Amino acid sequence: MRAVVLVGGFGTRLRPLTNHSPKPMLPVGHRPMIERLVDRLARGGVTDVVLALGFKPEPFMDAFPDGKCGDVNLTYAVEPEPLDTGGAIRFAAESAGINETFVVANGDVLTDLSVADLLAAHRSRKAEATMHLTGVDEPSAFGVVALEGAADGGIDRIVDFVEKPEPGTEPSNLVNAGTYIFEPSVLDLIAAGERVSIERSIFPQLVEREGLYGFSTDDYWIDAGRPELYRAANLDLLTDRRVFDRCEAIAPTAVVSSSATITNSIIGEGVEVGAGAEVIDSVLLAGARVGAGARINTSLVMGTVEDTAEVTGSMVGAEGVVPAGSRLIDGALPDPAAV
């Protein structure tokens, strides 16, 4: 089984963490997000993945120089210009010569969904396309579906698909969870070389031709594209929320003072945490530096927090420095607007 993984976005909502690194290469539990996604696809029978690349393709190629991620073969399809989700899927599929049933996955989605179950459901209904669905409390931020039958789990035909509807107008609480099974015929709906949204253009066409099905599950699922959700995706690995994935709180190469206090946090590779520092509900990414007596709370830190500084509800990118004794509350360094 082959898969296209969409990893070409700019990661705007995670700036400044993504100033120099594409979002799927950010770590989740000491491993790049893309590695955990490919592992999941492999568990479902995927043997070959083509990465649909746009923004900063080099870090992906550098991370997998032999074209392998675990036992999965990787190839790269670098868009000559932004083609949106639909255009990127067609470009990548054509680049890899895909001409049979294939998987598509968004690169910032972490889930325990069984791709094998999704494929079996797809084939059971002889669908043209099948979309993984999950129920959420606030569906208006996503693509929302209405099903032909009761939304009680399993597979059913999608009779309406609305991308990011106005709050209060959603046809259900079931949303597009970012993993699909496509037949090659779906690619015929996407004009070659053109910028096309799979969500706004292609899914409505598939609804009209009665070829789009939804497979709803209550598996763990999170869209890690926003700061609070990226942080949660990391911290969830310290709990029993995940079926397959776990991680240690402190990476082996981290240097943490014996007088520092670490509470429900992940301390990444090569991180230094000074004497008397306190880290709560936070993620310190590889290379971060936290000085003596500093306090980090509900934050994402990739740069430097100097002695006795306080960081709360914020992001500090690789080039960010929070000066000694200062406070950063609900902010970001460097300023994302300056990028």
C-alpha atoms as a PDB file:
ATOM      1  CA  MET A   1       0.000   0.000   0.000  1.00  0.00           C
ATOM      2  CA  ARG A   2       1.237   3.484  -0.882  1.00  0.00           C
ATOM      3  CA  ALA A   3       0.520   6.818   0.783  1.00  0.00           C
ATOM      4  CA  VAL A   4       0.806  10.529   0.085  1.00  0.00           C
ATOM      5  CA  VAL A   5       1.598  12.634   3.159  1.00  0.00           C
ATOM      6  CA  LEU A   6       0.989  16.371   2.977  1.00  0.00           C
ATOM      7  CA  VAL A   7       3.897  18.179   4.639  1.00  0.00           C
ATOM      8  CA  GLY A   8       4.271  21.305   2.509  1.00  0.00           C
ATOM      9  CA  GLY A   9       2.584  23.896   4.746  1.00  0.00           C
ATOM     10  CA  PHE A  10       4.242  26.954   6.257  1.00  0.00           C
ATOM     11  CA  GLY A  11       3.394  26.112   9.888  1.00  0.00           C
ATOM     12  CA  THR A  12       2.343  29.733  10.441  1.00  0.00           C
ATOM     13  CA  ARG A  13       0.476  29.122  13.688  1.00  0.00           C
ATOM     14  CA  LEU A  14       3.570  27.567  15.279  1.00  0.00           C
ATOM     15  CA  ARG A  15       5.931  30.418  14.495  1.00  0.00           C
ATOM     16  CA  PRO A  16       8.567  31.103  15.749  1.00  0.00           C
ATOM     17  CA  LEU A  17       9.169  27.369  16.328  1.00  0.00           C
ATOM     18  CA  THR A  18       8.785  26.822  12.575  1.00  0.00           C
ATOM     19  CA  ASN A  19      10.957  29.738  11.455  1.00  0.00           C
ATOM     20  CA  HIS A  20      13.704  27.307  10.460  1.00  0.00           C
ATOM     21  CA  SER A  21      12.011  23.905  10.695  1.00  0.00           C
ATOM     22  CA  PRO A  22       8.899  22.603   8.930  1.00  0.00           C
ATOM     23  CA  LYS A  23       6.097  21.723  11.314  1.00  0.00           C
ATOM     24  CA  PRO A  24       6.172  17.923  10.720  1.00  0.00           C
ATOM     25  CA  MET A  25       9.874  17.894  11.636  1.00  0.00           C
ATOM     26  CA  LEU A  26       9.172  19.350  15.081  1.00  0.00           C
ATOM     27  CA  PRO A  27       9.595  16.750  17.811  1.00  0.00           C
ATOM     28  CA  VAL A  28       6.708  14.998  19.504  1.00  0.00           C
ATOM     29  CA  GLY A  29       8.102  13.045  22.413  1.00  0.00           C
ATOM     30  CA  HIS A  30      11.761  13.344  21.263  1.00  0.00           C
ATOM     31  CA  ARG A  31      10.969  12.120  17.727  1.00  0.00           C
ATOM     32  CA  PRO A  32       9.958  14.157  14.675  1.00  0.00           C
ATOM     33  CA  MET A  33       6.195  14.302  14.201  1.00  0.00           C
ATOM     34  CA  ILE A  34       6.592  12.839  10.702  1.00  0.00           C
ATOM     35  CA  GLU A  35       8.287   9.709  12.103  1.00  0.00           C
ATOM     36  CA  ARG A  36       5.357   8.972  14.393  1.00  0.00           C
ATOM     37  CA  LEU A  37       2.936   9.484  11.505  1.00  0.00           C
ATOM     38  CA  VAL A  38       4.871   7.141   9.197  1.00  0.00           C
ATOM     39  CA  ASP A  39       5.022   4.537  11.985  1.00  0.00           C
ATOM     40  CA  ARG A  40       1.222   4.632  12.179  1.00  0.00           C
ATOM     41  CA  LEU A  41       0.879   4.214   8.427  1.00  0.00           C
ATOM     42  CA  ALA A  42       3.296   1.276   8.527  1.00  0.00           C
ATOM     43  CA  ARG A  43       1.203  -0.440  11.211  1.00  0.00           C
ATOM     44  CA  GLY A  44      -1.715  -0.240   8.779  1.00  0.00           C
ATOM     45  CA  GLY A  45       0.174  -1.877   5.915  1.00  0.00           C
ATOM     46  CA  VAL A  46       1.708   1.128   4.127  1.00  0.00           C
ATOM     47  CA  THR A  47       5.087   0.251   2.630  1.00  0.00           C
ATOM     48  CA  ASP A  48       5.819   3.365   0.540  1.00  0.00           C
ATOM     49  CA  VAL A  49       5.249   7.031   1.334  1.00  0.00           C
ATOM     50  CA  VAL A  50       5.657  10.023  -0.948  1.00  0.00           C
ATOM     51  CA  LEU A  51       6.098  13.280   0.945  1.00  0.00           C
ATOM     52  CA  ALA A  52       4.305  16.177  -0.755  1.00  0.00           C
ATOM     53  CA  LEU A  53       6.815  18.938  -0.021  1.00  0.00           C
ATOM     54  CA  GLY A  54       6.774  22.683  -0.446  1.00  0.00           C
ATOM     55  CA  PHE A  55       8.119  24.859   2.363  1.00  0.00           C
ATOM     56  CA  LYS A  56      11.682  23.901   3.379  1.00  0.00           C
ATOM     57  CA  PRO A  57      12.009  20.432   1.807  1.00  0.00           C
ATOM     58  CA  GLU A  58      15.691  20.093   2.743  1.00  0.00           C
ATOM     59  CA  PRO A  59      15.193  19.143   6.422  1.00  0.00           C
ATOM     60  CA  PHE A  60      13.133  16.119   5.369  1.00  0.00           C
ATOM     61  CA  MET A  61      15.743  14.976   2.883  1.00  0.00           C
ATOM     62  CA  ASP A  62      18.538  15.519   5.396  1.00  0.00           C
ATOM     63  CA  ALA A  63      16.655  13.556   8.086  1.00  0.00           C
ATOM     64  CA  PHE A  64      16.134  10.525   5.811  1.00  0.00           C
ATOM     65  CA  PRO A  65      19.139  10.516   3.474  1.00  0.00           C
ATOM     66  CA  ASP A  66      18.716   6.850   2.566  1.00  0.00           C
ATOM     67  CA  GLY A  67      15.058   7.279   1.609  1.00  0.00           C
ATOM     68  CA  LYS A  68      13.838   5.169   4.518  1.00  0.00           C
ATOM     69  CA  CYS A  69      11.834   5.895   7.651  1.00  0.00           C
ATOM     70  CA  GLY A  70      11.952   2.678   9.618  1.00  0.00           C
ATOM     71  CA  ASP A  71      10.936   0.011   7.112  1.00  0.00           C
ATOM     72  CA  VAL A  72       8.943   2.428   4.946  1.00  0.00           C
ATOM     73  CA  ASN A  73      10.359   3.661   1.647  1.00  0.00           C
ATOM     74  CA  LEU A  74      10.257   7.448   1.211  1.00  0.00           C
ATOM     75  CA  THR A  75      10.201   9.492  -1.968  1.00  0.00           C
ATOM     76  CA  TYR A  76       9.909  13.258  -2.307  1.00  0.00           C
ATOM     77  CA  ALA A  77       7.663  15.384  -4.501  1.00  0.00           C
ATOM     78  CA  VAL A  78       8.653  19.060  -4.228  1.00  0.00           C
ATOM     79  CA  GLU A  79       6.016  21.429  -5.608  1.00  0.00           C
ATOM     80  CA  PRO A  80       7.394  24.046  -8.030  1.00  0.00           C
ATOM     81  CA  GLU A  81       4.842  26.468  -6.521  1.00  0.00           C
ATOM     82  CA  PRO A  82       2.129  26.170  -3.844  1.00  0.00           C
ATOM     83  CA  LEU A  83      -0.644  23.937  -5.202  1.00  0.00           C
ATOM     84  CA  ASP A  84      -2.945  23.767  -2.139  1.00  0.00           C
ATOM     85  CA  THR A  85      -4.037  20.395  -0.774  1.00  0.00           C
ATOM     86  CA  GLY A  86      -5.690  18.985  -3.882  1.00  0.00           C
ATOM     87  CA  GLY A  87      -2.989  20.109  -6.278  1.00  0.00           C
ATOM     88  CA  ALA A  88      -0.311  18.774  -3.939  1.00  0.00           C
ATOM     89  CA  ILE A  89      -1.978  15.346  -3.758  1.00  0.00           C
ATOM     90  CA  ARG A  90      -2.190  15.038  -7.541  1.00  0.00           C
ATOM     91  CA  PHE A  91       1.367  16.295  -8.036  1.00  0.00           C
ATOM     92  CA  ALA A  92       2.767  13.857  -5.472  1.00  0.00           C
ATOM     93  CA  ALA A  93       0.723  10.895  -6.709  1.00  0.00           C
ATOM     94  CA  GLU A  94       1.779  11.503 -10.306  1.00  0.00           C
ATOM     95  CA  SER A  95       5.410  11.984  -9.295  1.00  0.00           C
ATOM     96  CA  ALA A  96       5.353   8.603  -7.563  1.00  0.00           C
ATOM     97  CA  GLY A  97       3.412   6.862 -10.330  1.00  0.00           C
ATOM     98  CA  ILE A  98       0.486   5.943  -8.078  1.00  0.00           C
ATOM     99  CA  ASN A  99      -2.255   4.278 -10.102  1.00  0.00           C
ATOM    100  CA  GLU A 100      -4.131   2.189  -7.536  1.00  0.00           C
ATOM    101  CA  THR A 101      -5.950   2.649  -4.220  1.00  0.00           C
ATOM    102  CA  PHE A 102      -3.821   4.815  -1.920  1.00  0.00           C
ATOM    103  CA  VAL A 103      -3.767   6.553   1.462  1.00  0.00           C
ATOM    104  CA  VAL A 104      -3.557  10.314   2.014  1.00  0.00           C
ATOM    105  CA  ALA A 105      -2.623  11.810   5.398  1.00  0.00           C
ATOM    106  CA  ASN A 106      -2.141  15.322   6.724  1.00  0.00           C
ATOM    107  CA  GLY A 107       1.331  15.720   8.201  1.00  0.00           C
ATOM    108  CA  ASP A 108       0.221  17.476  11.399  1.00  0.00           C
ATOM    109  CA  VAL A 109      -2.381  14.923  12.528  1.00  0.00           C
ATOM    110  CA  LEU A 110      -1.550  12.470  15.311  1.00  0.00           C
ATOM    111  CA  THR A 111      -4.005   9.646  15.843  1.00  0.00           C
ATOM    112  CA  ASP A 112      -4.289   5.995  16.852  1.00  0.00           C
ATOM    113  CA  LEU A 113      -6.573   5.262  13.884  1.00  0.00           C
ATOM    114  CA  SER A 114      -5.957   1.885  12.247  1.00  0.00           C
ATOM    115  CA  VAL A 115      -5.335   2.568   8.558  1.00  0.00           C
ATOM    116  CA  ALA A 116      -6.028  -1.116   7.893  1.00  0.00           C
ATOM    117  CA  ASP A 117      -9.534  -0.706   9.360  1.00  0.00           C
ATOM    118  CA  LEU A 118     -10.088   2.448   7.289  1.00  0.00           C
ATOM    119  CA  LEU A 119      -9.066   0.584   4.124  1.00  0.00           C
ATOM    120  CA  ALA A 120     -11.299  -2.404   4.939  1.00  0.00           C
ATOM    121  CA  ALA A 121     -14.275  -0.088   5.479  1.00  0.00           C
ATOM    122  CA  HIS A 122     -13.527   1.713   2.194  1.00  0.00           C
ATOM    123  CA  ARG A 123     -13.481  -1.542   0.266  1.00  0.00           C
ATOM    124  CA  SER A 124     -16.599  -2.864   1.988  1.00  0.00           C
ATOM    125  CA  ARG A 125     -18.633  -0.030   0.460  1.00  0.00           C
ATOM    126  CA  LYS A 126     -16.721   0.131  -2.831  1.00  0.00           C
ATOM    127  CA  ALA A 127     -16.212   3.824  -2.137  1.00  0.00           C
ATOM    128  CA  GLU A 128     -14.379   6.236  -4.396  1.00  0.00           C
ATOM    129  CA  ALA A 129     -13.006   8.064  -1.359  1.00  0.00           C
ATOM    130  CA  THR A 130     -13.262   7.425   2.374  1.00  0.00           C
ATOM    131  CA  MET A 131     -12.540  10.024   5.042  1.00  0.00           C
ATOM    132  CA  HIS A 132     -11.674   9.375   8.670  1.00  0.00           C
ATOM    133  CA  LEU A 133     -14.134  11.243  10.902  1.00  0.00           C
ATOM    134  CA  THR A 134     -13.980  12.155  14.549  1.00  0.00           C
ATOM    135  CA  GLY A 135     -16.402  13.974  16.832  1.00  0.00           C
ATOM    136  CA  VAL A 136     -15.335  17.317  18.360  1.00  0.00           C
ATOM    137  CA  ASP A 137     -16.932  19.872  20.627  1.00  0.00           C
ATOM    138  CA  GLU A 138     -16.322  22.843  18.303  1.00  0.00           C
ATOM    139  CA  PRO A 139     -16.628  21.564  14.719  1.00  0.00           C
ATOM    140  CA  SER A 140     -16.759  24.947  12.957  1.00  0.00           C
ATOM    141  CA  ALA A 141     -12.945  25.122  12.796  1.00  0.00           C
ATOM    142  CA  PHE A 142     -12.869  22.014  10.576  1.00  0.00           C
ATOM    143  CA  GLY A 143     -14.532  20.427   7.580  1.00  0.00           C
ATOM    144  CA  VAL A 144     -17.870  19.084   8.864  1.00  0.00           C
ATOM    145  CA  VAL A 145     -19.976  16.283   7.390  1.00  0.00           C
ATOM    146  CA  ALA A 146     -23.545  15.027   7.397  1.00  0.00           C
ATOM    147  CA  LEU A 147     -23.977  11.285   6.962  1.00  0.00           C
ATOM    148  CA  GLU A 148     -26.757   9.421   5.207  1.00  0.00           C
ATOM    149  CA  GLY A 149     -27.484   7.343   8.314  1.00  0.00           C
ATOM    150  CA  ALA A 150     -26.984   7.675  12.054  1.00  0.00           C
ATOM    151  CA  ALA A 151     -23.596   8.989  13.184  1.00  0.00           C
ATOM    152  CA  ASP A 152     -22.964   6.085  15.550  1.00  0.00           C
ATOM    153  CA  GLY A 153     -19.584   4.867  14.349  1.00  0.00           C
ATOM    154  CA  GLY A 154     -18.520   2.801  11.348  1.00  0.00           C
ATOM    155  CA  ILE A 155     -18.847   3.762   7.698  1.00  0.00           C
ATOM    156  CA  ASP A 156     -21.638   5.627   5.942  1.00  0.00           C
ATOM    157  CA  ARG A 157     -22.072   7.806   2.857  1.00  0.00           C
ATOM    158  CA  ILE A 158     -21.396  11.509   3.279  1.00  0.00           C
ATOM    159  CA  VAL A 159     -24.318  13.574   1.948  1.00  0.00           C
ATOM    160  CA  ASP A 160     -22.937  17.012   2.854  1.00  0.00           C
ATOM    161  CA  PHE A 161     -19.465  18.429   3.427  1.00  0.00           C
ATOM    162  CA  VAL A 162     -18.918  22.010   4.606  1.00  0.00           C
ATOM    163  CA  GLU A 163     -15.443  23.419   5.114  1.00  0.00           C
ATOM    164  CA  LYS A 164     -15.237  25.614   8.244  1.00  0.00           C
ATOM    165  CA  PRO A 165     -18.925  26.512   8.512  1.00  0.00           C
ATOM    166  CA  GLU A 166     -20.160  29.441  10.562  1.00  0.00           C
ATOM    167  CA  PRO A 167     -20.578  28.463  14.231  1.00  0.00           C
ATOM    168  CA  GLY A 168     -24.067  27.169  14.839  1.00  0.00           C
ATOM    169  CA  THR A 169     -24.605  26.084  11.215  1.00  0.00           C
ATOM    170  CA  GLU A 170     -22.631  22.809  11.357  1.00  0.00           C
ATOM    171  CA  PRO A 171     -24.541  19.780  10.018  1.00  0.00           C
ATOM    172  CA  SER A 172     -23.051  17.573  12.783  1.00  0.00           C
ATOM    173  CA  ASN A 173     -20.097  17.410  15.173  1.00  0.00           C
ATOM    174  CA  LEU A 174     -18.232  14.924  12.936  1.00  0.00           C
ATOM    175  CA  VAL A 175     -15.226  16.488  11.273  1.00  0.00           C
ATOM    176  CA  ASN A 176     -12.614  15.632   8.679  1.00  0.00           C
ATOM    177  CA  ALA A 177      -9.810  14.020  10.674  1.00  0.00           C
ATOM    178  CA  GLY A 178      -7.196  14.226   7.921  1.00  0.00           C
ATOM    179  CA  THR A 179      -6.648  10.609   6.822  1.00  0.00           C
ATOM    180  CA  TYR A 180      -8.234   9.312   3.607  1.00  0.00           C
ATOM    181  CA  ILE A 181      -8.376   6.350   1.244  1.00  0.00           C
ATOM    182  CA  PHE A 182      -8.619   7.417  -2.410  1.00  0.00           C
ATOM    183  CA  GLU A 183      -9.196   5.584  -5.635  1.00  0.00           C
ATOM    184  CA  PRO A 184      -7.094   6.889  -8.556  1.00  0.00           C
ATOM    185  CA  SER A 185     -10.266   8.319 -10.122  1.00  0.00           C
ATOM    186  CA  VAL A 186     -10.213  11.078  -7.473  1.00  0.00           C
ATOM    187  CA  LEU A 187      -7.094  12.462  -9.144  1.00  0.00           C
ATOM    188  CA  ASP A 188      -9.082  13.010 -12.365  1.00  0.00           C
ATOM    189  CA  LEU A 189     -11.077  15.705 -10.578  1.00  0.00           C
ATOM    190  CA  ILE A 190      -7.913  17.714  -9.899  1.00  0.00           C
ATOM    191  CA  ALA A 191      -6.527  19.718 -12.801  1.00  0.00           C
ATOM    192  CA  ALA A 192      -2.826  19.016 -13.264  1.00  0.00           C
ATOM    193  CA  GLY A 193      -0.566  21.826 -12.142  1.00  0.00           C
ATOM    194  CA  GLU A 194      -3.383  23.975 -10.767  1.00  0.00           C
ATOM    195  CA  ARG A 195      -3.915  25.211  -7.244  1.00  0.00           C
ATOM    196  CA  VAL A 196      -6.912  23.240  -5.953  1.00  0.00           C
ATOM    197  CA  SER A 197      -8.302  22.746  -2.441  1.00  0.00           C
ATOM    198  CA  ILE A 198      -9.299  19.139  -1.772  1.00  0.00           C
ATOM    199  CA  GLU A 199     -11.601  20.372   0.992  1.00  0.00           C
ATOM    200  CA  ARG A 200     -13.394  23.208  -0.816  1.00  0.00           C
ATOM    201  CA  SER A 201     -13.447  21.861  -4.355  1.00  0.00           C
ATOM    202  CA  ILE A 202     -12.994  18.085  -4.568  1.00  0.00           C
ATOM    203  CA  PHE A 203     -14.905  16.758  -1.544  1.00  0.00           C
ATOM    204  CA  PRO A 204     -18.129  18.586  -2.570  1.00  0.00           C
ATOM    205  CA  GLN A 205     -17.811  17.072  -6.057  1.00  0.00           C
ATOM    206  CA  LEU A 206     -17.400  13.599  -4.565  1.00  0.00           C
ATOM    207  CA  VAL A 207     -20.509  14.178  -2.440  1.00  0.00           C
ATOM    208  CA  GLU A 208     -22.467  15.086  -5.577  1.00  0.00           C
ATOM    209  CA  ARG A 209     -21.427  11.880  -7.336  1.00  0.00           C
ATOM    210  CA  GLU A 210     -22.207   9.847  -4.181  1.00  0.00           C
ATOM    211  CA  GLY A 211     -18.651   8.554  -3.962  1.00  0.00           C
ATOM    212  CA  LEU A 212     -17.519   9.998  -0.630  1.00  0.00           C
ATOM    213  CA  TYR A 213     -17.860   7.940   2.557  1.00  0.00           C
ATOM    214  CA  GLY A 214     -17.011   8.662   6.166  1.00  0.00           C
ATOM    215  CA  PHE A 215     -15.517   6.262   8.693  1.00  0.00           C
ATOM    216  CA  SER A 216     -16.089   7.573  12.203  1.00  0.00           C
ATOM    217  CA  THR A 217     -14.090   6.362  15.208  1.00  0.00           C
ATOM    218  CA  ASP A 218     -13.369   7.485  18.743  1.00  0.00           C
ATOM    219  CA  ASP A 219      -9.620   6.850  18.463  1.00  0.00           C
ATOM    220  CA  TYR A 220      -7.167   9.317  19.953  1.00  0.00           C
ATOM    221  CA  TRP A 221      -6.858  12.225  17.514  1.00  0.00           C
ATOM    222  CA  ILE A 222      -5.262  15.649  17.625  1.00  0.00           C
ATOM    223  CA  ASP A 223      -4.457  18.294  15.027  1.00  0.00           C
ATOM    224  CA  ALA A 224      -1.060  19.453  16.266  1.00  0.00           C
ATOM    225  CA  GLY A 225      -0.943  22.599  14.157  1.00  0.00           C
ATOM    226  CA  ARG A 226      -1.756  25.055  16.964  1.00  0.00           C
ATOM    227  CA  PRO A 227       0.551  25.819  19.924  1.00  0.00           C
ATOM    228  CA  GLU A 228      -1.738  24.526  22.670  1.00  0.00           C
ATOM    229  CA  LEU A 229      -2.484  21.353  20.693  1.00  0.00           C
ATOM    230  CA  TYR A 230       1.147  20.768  19.738  1.00  0.00           C
ATOM    231  CA  ARG A 231       2.021  21.032  23.424  1.00  0.00           C
ATOM    232  CA  ALA A 232      -0.826  18.638  24.293  1.00  0.00           C
ATOM    233  CA  ALA A 233       0.322  16.153  21.643  1.00  0.00           C
ATOM    234  CA  ASN A 234       3.679  16.005  23.398  1.00  0.00           C
ATOM    235  CA  LEU A 235       2.377  15.800  26.940  1.00  0.00           C
ATOM    236  CA  ASP A 236      -0.185  13.133  26.012  1.00  0.00           C
ATOM    237  CA  LEU A 237       2.766  10.787  25.469  1.00  0.00           C
ATOM    238  CA  LEU A 238       3.372  10.889  29.221  1.00  0.00           C
ATOM    239  CA  THR A 239      -0.112   9.482  29.897  1.00  0.00           C
ATOM    240  CA  ASP A 240      -2.154   6.412  28.981  1.00  0.00           C
ATOM    241  CA  ARG A 241      -4.116   8.325  26.313  1.00  0.00           C
ATOM    242  CA  ARG A 242      -2.088   6.778  23.483  1.00  0.00           C
ATOM    243  CA  VAL A 243      -2.400   3.151  22.385  1.00  0.00           C
ATOM    244  CA  PHE A 244       1.009   2.769  20.747  1.00  0.00           C
ATOM    245  CA  ASP A 245       3.119   5.827  21.520  1.00  0.00           C
ATOM    246  CA  ARG A 246       4.848   6.721  24.778  1.00  0.00           C
ATOM    247  CA  CYS A 247       8.008   8.584  25.730  1.00  0.00           C
ATOM    248  CA  GLU A 248      10.214   9.341  28.697  1.00  0.00           C
ATOM    249  CA  ALA A 249       9.798  12.802  30.175  1.00  0.00           C
ATOM    250  CA  ILE A 250      13.518  13.628  30.056  1.00  0.00           C
ATOM    251  CA  ALA A 251      15.672  12.757  27.041  1.00  0.00           C
ATOM    252  CA  PRO A 252      18.908  10.863  27.780  1.00  0.00           C
ATOM    253  CA  THR A 253      21.132  13.721  26.588  1.00  0.00           C
ATOM    254  CA  ALA A 254      19.351  16.431  28.595  1.00  0.00           C
ATOM    255  CA  VAL A 255      21.208  17.954  31.549  1.00  0.00           C
ATOM    256  CA  VAL A 256      18.800  18.798  34.364  1.00  0.00           C
ATOM    257  CA  SER A 257      20.007  20.139  37.712  1.00  0.00           C
ATOM    258  CA  SER A 258      19.126  17.951  40.669  1.00  0.00           C
ATOM    259  CA  SER A 259      17.500  20.973  42.308  1.00  0.00           C
ATOM    260  CA  ALA A 260      15.252  21.747  39.327  1.00  0.00           C
ATOM    261  CA  THR A 261      11.584  20.783  39.486  1.00  0.00           C
ATOM    262  CA  ILE A 262       9.998  19.150  36.428  1.00  0.00           C
ATOM    263  CA  THR A 263       6.210  18.673  36.510  1.00  0.00           C
ATOM    264  CA  ASN A 264       4.238  17.077  33.633  1.00  0.00           C
ATOM    265  CA  SER A 265       6.750  18.301  31.076  1.00  0.00           C
ATOM    266  CA  ILE A 266       8.980  16.980  28.304  1.00  0.00           C
ATOM    267  CA  ILE A 267      12.671  17.896  28.313  1.00  0.00           C
ATOM    268  CA  GLY A 268      14.193  17.328  24.886  1.00  0.00           C
ATOM    269  CA  GLU A 269      17.569  16.198  23.604  1.00  0.00           C
ATOM    270  CA  GLY A 270      20.481  18.337  24.674  1.00  0.00           C
ATOM    271  CA  VAL A 271      18.360  20.646  26.828  1.00  0.00           C
ATOM    272  CA  GLU A 272      19.969  22.297  29.863  1.00  0.00           C
ATOM    273  CA  VAL A 273      17.901  23.181  32.949  1.00  0.00           C
ATOM    274  CA  GLY A 274      19.672  25.131  35.672  1.00  0.00           C
ATOM    275  CA  ALA A 275      19.615  24.937  39.455  1.00  0.00           C
ATOM    276  CA  GLY A 276      16.314  25.745  41.105  1.00  0.00           C
ATOM    277  CA  ALA A 277      14.467  26.127  37.791  1.00  0.00           C
ATOM    278  CA  GLU A 278      10.839  25.069  37.604  1.00  0.00           C
ATOM    279  CA  VAL A 279       9.192  23.614  34.473  1.00  0.00           C
ATOM    280  CA  ILE A 280       5.433  22.954  34.564  1.00  0.00           C
ATOM    281  CA  ASP A 281       3.141  21.600  31.819  1.00  0.00           C
ATOM    282  CA  SER A 282       5.674  22.622  29.186  1.00  0.00           C
ATOM    283  CA  VAL A 283       7.820  21.260  26.378  1.00  0.00           C
ATOM    284  CA  LEU A 284      11.489  22.183  26.150  1.00  0.00           C
ATOM    285  CA  LEU A 285      12.563  21.314  22.624  1.00  0.00           C
ATOM    286  CA  ALA A 286      16.008  20.099  21.616  1.00  0.00           C
ATOM    287  CA  GLY A 287      18.736  22.605  22.397  1.00  0.00           C
ATOM    288  CA  ALA A 288      16.726  24.808  24.773  1.00  0.00           C
ATOM    289  CA  ARG A 289      18.527  26.503  27.680  1.00  0.00           C
ATOM    290  CA  VAL A 290      16.800  27.358  30.970  1.00  0.00           C
ATOM    291  CA  GLY A 291      18.811  29.298  33.515  1.00  0.00           C
ATOM    292  CA  ALA A 292      18.968  28.973  37.276  1.00  0.00           C
ATOM    293  CA  GLY A 293      15.807  29.961  39.091  1.00  0.00           C
ATOM    294  CA  ALA A 294      13.808  30.403  35.871  1.00  0.00           C
ATOM    295  CA  ARG A 295      10.151  29.390  35.755  1.00  0.00           C
ATOM    296  CA  ILE A 296       8.479  27.902  32.662  1.00  0.00           C
ATOM    297  CA  ASN A 297       4.725  27.245  32.685  1.00  0.00           C
ATOM    298  CA  THR A 298       2.407  25.990  29.878  1.00  0.00           C
ATOM    299  CA  SER A 299       4.962  26.991  27.246  1.00  0.00           C
ATOM    300  CA  LEU A 300       7.029  25.760  24.314  1.00  0.00           C
ATOM    301  CA  VAL A 301      10.716  26.660  24.490  1.00  0.00           C
ATOM    302  CA  MET A 302      13.339  26.112  21.806  1.00  0.00           C
ATOM    303  CA  GLY A 303      15.649  29.016  22.691  1.00  0.00           C
ATOM    304  CA  THR A 304      17.091  30.520  25.871  1.00  0.00           C
ATOM    305  CA  VAL A 305      15.413  31.554  29.107  1.00  0.00           C
ATOM    306  CA  GLU A 306      17.974  33.250  31.300  1.00  0.00           C
ATOM    307  CA  ASP A 307      18.339  33.128  35.084  1.00  0.00           C
ATOM    308  CA  THR A 308      15.198  33.934  37.147  1.00  0.00           C
ATOM    309  CA  ALA A 309      13.144  34.779  34.046  1.00  0.00           C
ATOM    310  CA  GLU A 310       9.498  33.703  33.833  1.00  0.00           C
ATOM    311  CA  VAL A 311       7.755  32.321  30.721  1.00  0.00           C
ATOM    312  CA  THR A 312       4.036  31.539  30.838  1.00  0.00           C
ATOM    313  CA  GLY A 313       1.698  30.545  27.996  1.00  0.00           C
ATOM    314  CA  SER A 314       4.330  31.447  25.413  1.00  0.00           C
ATOM    315  CA  MET A 315       6.628  30.212  22.654  1.00  0.00           C
ATOM    316  CA  VAL A 316      10.362  30.863  22.493  1.00  0.00           C
ATOM    317  CA  GLY A 317      11.936  30.030  19.134  1.00  0.00           C
ATOM    318  CA  ALA A 318      15.500  28.882  18.547  1.00  0.00           C
ATOM    319  CA  GLU A 319      16.767  32.478  18.293  1.00  0.00           C
ATOM    320  CA  GLY A 320      14.609  33.779  21.134  1.00  0.00           C
ATOM    321  CA  VAL A 321      16.192  34.974  24.373  1.00  0.00           C
ATOM    322  CA  VAL A 322      14.169  35.863  27.463  1.00  0.00           C
ATOM    323  CA  PRO A 323      16.501  38.130  29.464  1.00  0.00           C
ATOM    324  CA  ALA A 324      17.391  37.428  33.061  1.00  0.00           C
ATOM    325  CA  GLY A 325      14.742  38.504  35.521  1.00  0.00           C
ATOM    326  CA  SER A 326      12.178  39.385  32.837  1.00  0.00           C
ATOM    327  CA  ARG A 327       8.713  37.972  32.128  1.00  0.00           C
ATOM    328  CA  LEU A 328       7.164  36.705  28.906  1.00  0.00           C
ATOM    329  CA  ILE A 329       3.413  36.154  29.307  1.00  0.00           C
ATOM    330  CA  ASP A 330       1.208  34.916  26.438  1.00  0.00           C
ATOM    331  CA  GLY A 331       3.806  36.015  23.906  1.00  0.00           C
ATOM    332  CA  ALA A 332       6.356  34.753  21.408  1.00  0.00           C
ATOM    333  CA  LEU A 333      10.046  35.428  20.775  1.00  0.00           C
ATOM    334  CA  PRO A 334      11.178  36.260  18.168  1.00  0.00           C
ATOM    335  CA  ASP A 335       8.040  38.106  17.040  1.00  0.00           C
ATOM    336  CA  PRO A 336       6.225  35.830  14.530  1.00  0.00           C
ATOM    337  CA  ALA A 337       5.026  38.897  12.611  1.00  0.00           C
ATOM    338  CA  ALA A 338       8.613  39.772  11.778  1.00  0.00           C
ATOM    339  CA  VAL A 339       9.088  36.625   9.669  1.00  0.00           C
END
